[in-house]
Amino acid sequence: MALYRIAKAFRRSRVRFEIFKLLCQAREPMYPMMIARWLGTSYDNVLGALRGGRGYRREESLVALGLVKEITWGRQKLYQAEEEHCRYIEEVENRLL
């Protein structure tokens, strides 16, 4: 995991960072539509930040960076933050505040 790539991805998109923080706080898999409702943003923006496409670079998506894992449940896809990355981001935020 290259930290500079993660920092760059978060700087390029506030939505990407907010999605990651929400998934860390939830600590359980969430549907993209549920994430969109919680953040008050569009479904397309959420999918773009999670997987790439629609104005978001695939290589900077949360899944491609390894921050979020995609879980297939039947025909549906849910997303869950990786615990180790959540702890790291919490540590960084606490040091900055």
C-alpha atoms as a PDB file:
ATOM      1  CA  MET A   1       0.000   0.000   0.000  1.00  0.00           C
ATOM      2  CA  ALA A   2       1.521   3.301  -1.067  1.00  0.00           C
ATOM      3  CA  LEU A   3       0.465   6.043   1.325  1.00  0.00           C
ATOM      4  CA  TYR A   4       1.112   8.788  -1.200  1.00  0.00           C
ATOM      5  CA  ARG A   5      -1.463   7.191  -3.553  1.00  0.00           C
ATOM      6  CA  ILE A   6      -4.062   7.123  -0.775  1.00  0.00           C
ATOM      7  CA  ALA A   7      -3.339  10.713   0.229  1.00  0.00           C
ATOM      8  CA  LYS A   8      -3.608  11.831  -3.400  1.00  0.00           C
ATOM      9  CA  ALA A   9      -6.908   9.982  -3.867  1.00  0.00           C
ATOM     10  CA  PHE A  10      -8.383  11.568  -0.722  1.00  0.00           C
ATOM     11  CA  ARG A  11      -7.201  15.036  -1.784  1.00  0.00           C
ATOM     12  CA  ARG A  12      -8.828  14.623  -5.187  1.00  0.00           C
ATOM     13  CA  SER A  13     -12.241  13.668  -3.776  1.00  0.00           C
ATOM     14  CA  ARG A  14     -13.989  14.686  -0.567  1.00  0.00           C
ATOM     15  CA  VAL A  15     -16.718  12.126  -1.322  1.00  0.00           C
ATOM     16  CA  ARG A  16     -14.140   9.320  -1.443  1.00  0.00           C
ATOM     17  CA  PHE A  17     -12.829  10.267   2.007  1.00  0.00           C
ATOM     18  CA  GLU A  18     -16.342  10.652   3.476  1.00  0.00           C
ATOM     19  CA  ILE A  19     -17.346   7.211   2.170  1.00  0.00           C
ATOM     20  CA  PHE A  20     -14.291   5.638   3.736  1.00  0.00           C
ATOM     21  CA  LYS A  21     -14.941   7.336   7.089  1.00  0.00           C
ATOM     22  CA  LEU A  22     -18.601   6.234   7.033  1.00  0.00           C
ATOM     23  CA  LEU A  23     -17.661   2.618   6.287  1.00  0.00           C
ATOM     24  CA  CYS A  24     -15.104   2.684   9.111  1.00  0.00           C
ATOM     25  CA  GLN A  25     -17.699   3.990  11.556  1.00  0.00           C
ATOM     26  CA  ALA A  26     -20.347   1.496  10.410  1.00  0.00           C
ATOM     27  CA  ARG A  27     -17.967  -1.487  10.761  1.00  0.00           C
ATOM     28  CA  GLU A  28     -20.328  -3.581   8.641  1.00  0.00           C
ATOM     29  CA  PRO A  29     -20.979  -3.957   4.909  1.00  0.00           C
ATOM     30  CA  MET A  30     -23.214  -1.328   3.308  1.00  0.00           C
ATOM     31  CA  TYR A  31     -25.073  -0.999   0.012  1.00  0.00           C
ATOM     32  CA  PRO A  32     -23.994   1.885  -2.249  1.00  0.00           C
ATOM     33  CA  MET A  33     -27.507   3.381  -2.129  1.00  0.00           C
ATOM     34  CA  MET A  34     -27.419   3.401   1.663  1.00  0.00           C
ATOM     35  CA  ILE A  35     -24.046   5.167   1.579  1.00  0.00           C
ATOM     36  CA  ALA A  36     -25.432   7.761  -0.847  1.00  0.00           C
ATOM     37  CA  ARG A  37     -28.393   8.478   1.415  1.00  0.00           C
ATOM     38  CA  TRP A  38     -26.223   8.819   4.530  1.00  0.00           C
ATOM     39  CA  LEU A  39     -23.861  11.249   2.815  1.00  0.00           C
ATOM     40  CA  GLY A  40     -26.481  13.123   0.821  1.00  0.00           C
ATOM     41  CA  THR A  41     -24.735  12.537  -2.482  1.00  0.00           C
ATOM     42  CA  SER A  42     -25.688  10.752  -5.671  1.00  0.00           C
ATOM     43  CA  TYR A  43     -25.539   7.013  -6.219  1.00  0.00           C
ATOM     44  CA  ASP A  44     -23.276   7.557  -9.257  1.00  0.00           C
ATOM     45  CA  ASN A  45     -20.743   9.485  -7.153  1.00  0.00           C
ATOM     46  CA  VAL A  46     -20.669   6.694  -4.587  1.00  0.00           C
ATOM     47  CA  LEU A  47     -20.123   3.998  -7.220  1.00  0.00           C
ATOM     48  CA  GLY A  48     -17.428   6.092  -8.861  1.00  0.00           C
ATOM     49  CA  ALA A  49     -15.555   6.584  -5.594  1.00  0.00           C
ATOM     50  CA  LEU A  50     -15.870   2.896  -4.661  1.00  0.00           C
ATOM     51  CA  ARG A  51     -15.083   1.258  -8.033  1.00  0.00           C
ATOM     52  CA  GLY A  52     -13.940   4.014 -10.379  1.00  0.00           C
ATOM     53  CA  GLY A  53     -15.537   5.323 -13.540  1.00  0.00           C
ATOM     54  CA  ARG A  54     -18.055   8.142 -13.999  1.00  0.00           C
ATOM     55  CA  GLY A  55     -15.478  10.871 -13.475  1.00  0.00           C
ATOM     56  CA  TYR A  56     -13.379   8.896 -10.975  1.00  0.00           C
ATOM     57  CA  ARG A  57     -10.124   7.159 -11.838  1.00  0.00           C
ATOM     58  CA  ARG A  58     -10.252   3.395 -11.388  1.00  0.00           C
ATOM     59  CA  GLU A  59      -6.719   3.262  -9.976  1.00  0.00           C
ATOM     60  CA  GLU A  60      -7.742   5.770  -7.268  1.00  0.00           C
ATOM     61  CA  SER A  61     -10.963   3.978  -6.296  1.00  0.00           C
ATOM     62  CA  LEU A  62     -11.339   2.740  -2.724  1.00  0.00           C
ATOM     63  CA  VAL A  63     -11.476  -0.888  -3.888  1.00  0.00           C
ATOM     64  CA  ALA A  64      -8.383  -0.554  -6.124  1.00  0.00           C
ATOM     65  CA  LEU A  65      -6.427   1.065  -3.274  1.00  0.00           C
ATOM     66  CA  GLY A  66      -7.355  -1.844  -1.011  1.00  0.00           C
ATOM     67  CA  LEU A  67      -9.098   0.366   1.551  1.00  0.00           C
ATOM     68  CA  VAL A  68     -12.509  -1.203   0.953  1.00  0.00           C
ATOM     69  CA  LYS A  69     -13.462  -4.745   0.058  1.00  0.00           C
ATOM     70  CA  GLU A  70     -16.338  -5.650  -2.236  1.00  0.00           C
ATOM     71  CA  ILE A  71     -18.599  -8.414  -0.923  1.00  0.00           C
ATOM     72  CA  THR A  72     -20.933 -10.201  -3.320  1.00  0.00           C
ATOM     73  CA  TRP A  73     -24.137 -11.409  -1.723  1.00  0.00           C
ATOM     74  CA  GLY A  74     -26.338 -13.060  -4.312  1.00  0.00           C
ATOM     75  CA  ARG A  75     -26.595 -10.524  -7.129  1.00  0.00           C
ATOM     76  CA  GLN A  76     -25.896  -7.589  -4.846  1.00  0.00           C
ATOM     77  CA  LYS A  77     -22.584  -5.963  -3.960  1.00  0.00           C
ATOM     78  CA  LEU A  78     -21.853  -4.563  -0.539  1.00  0.00           C
ATOM     79  CA  TYR A  79     -18.793  -2.650   0.593  1.00  0.00           C
ATOM     80  CA  GLN A  80     -16.885  -2.821   3.861  1.00  0.00           C
ATOM     81  CA  ALA A  81     -13.815  -0.912   5.023  1.00  0.00           C
ATOM     82  CA  GLU A  82     -10.684  -2.890   5.871  1.00  0.00           C
ATOM     83  CA  GLU A  83     -10.142  -2.693   9.651  1.00  0.00           C
ATOM     84  CA  GLU A  84      -6.381  -2.175   9.536  1.00  0.00           C
ATOM     85  CA  HIS A  85      -6.764   0.893   7.330  1.00  0.00           C
ATOM     86  CA  CYS A  86      -9.519   2.316   9.524  1.00  0.00           C
ATOM     87  CA  ARG A  87      -7.233   2.186  12.563  1.00  0.00           C
ATOM     88  CA  TYR A  88      -4.460   3.897  10.657  1.00  0.00           C
ATOM     89  CA  ILE A  89      -6.699   6.721   9.421  1.00  0.00           C
ATOM     90  CA  GLU A  90      -8.103   7.217  12.942  1.00  0.00           C
ATOM     91  CA  GLU A  91      -4.550   7.518  14.312  1.00  0.00           C
ATOM     92  CA  VAL A  92      -3.618  10.080  11.673  1.00  0.00           C
ATOM     93  CA  GLU A  93      -6.776  12.120  12.319  1.00  0.00           C
ATOM     94  CA  ASN A  94      -6.159  12.102  16.080  1.00  0.00           C
ATOM     95  CA  ARG A  95      -2.605  13.350  15.593  1.00  0.00           C
ATOM     96  CA  LEU A  96      -3.747  16.166  13.335  1.00  0.00           C
ATOM     97  CA  LEU A  97      -6.482  17.386  15.688  1.00  0.00           C
END
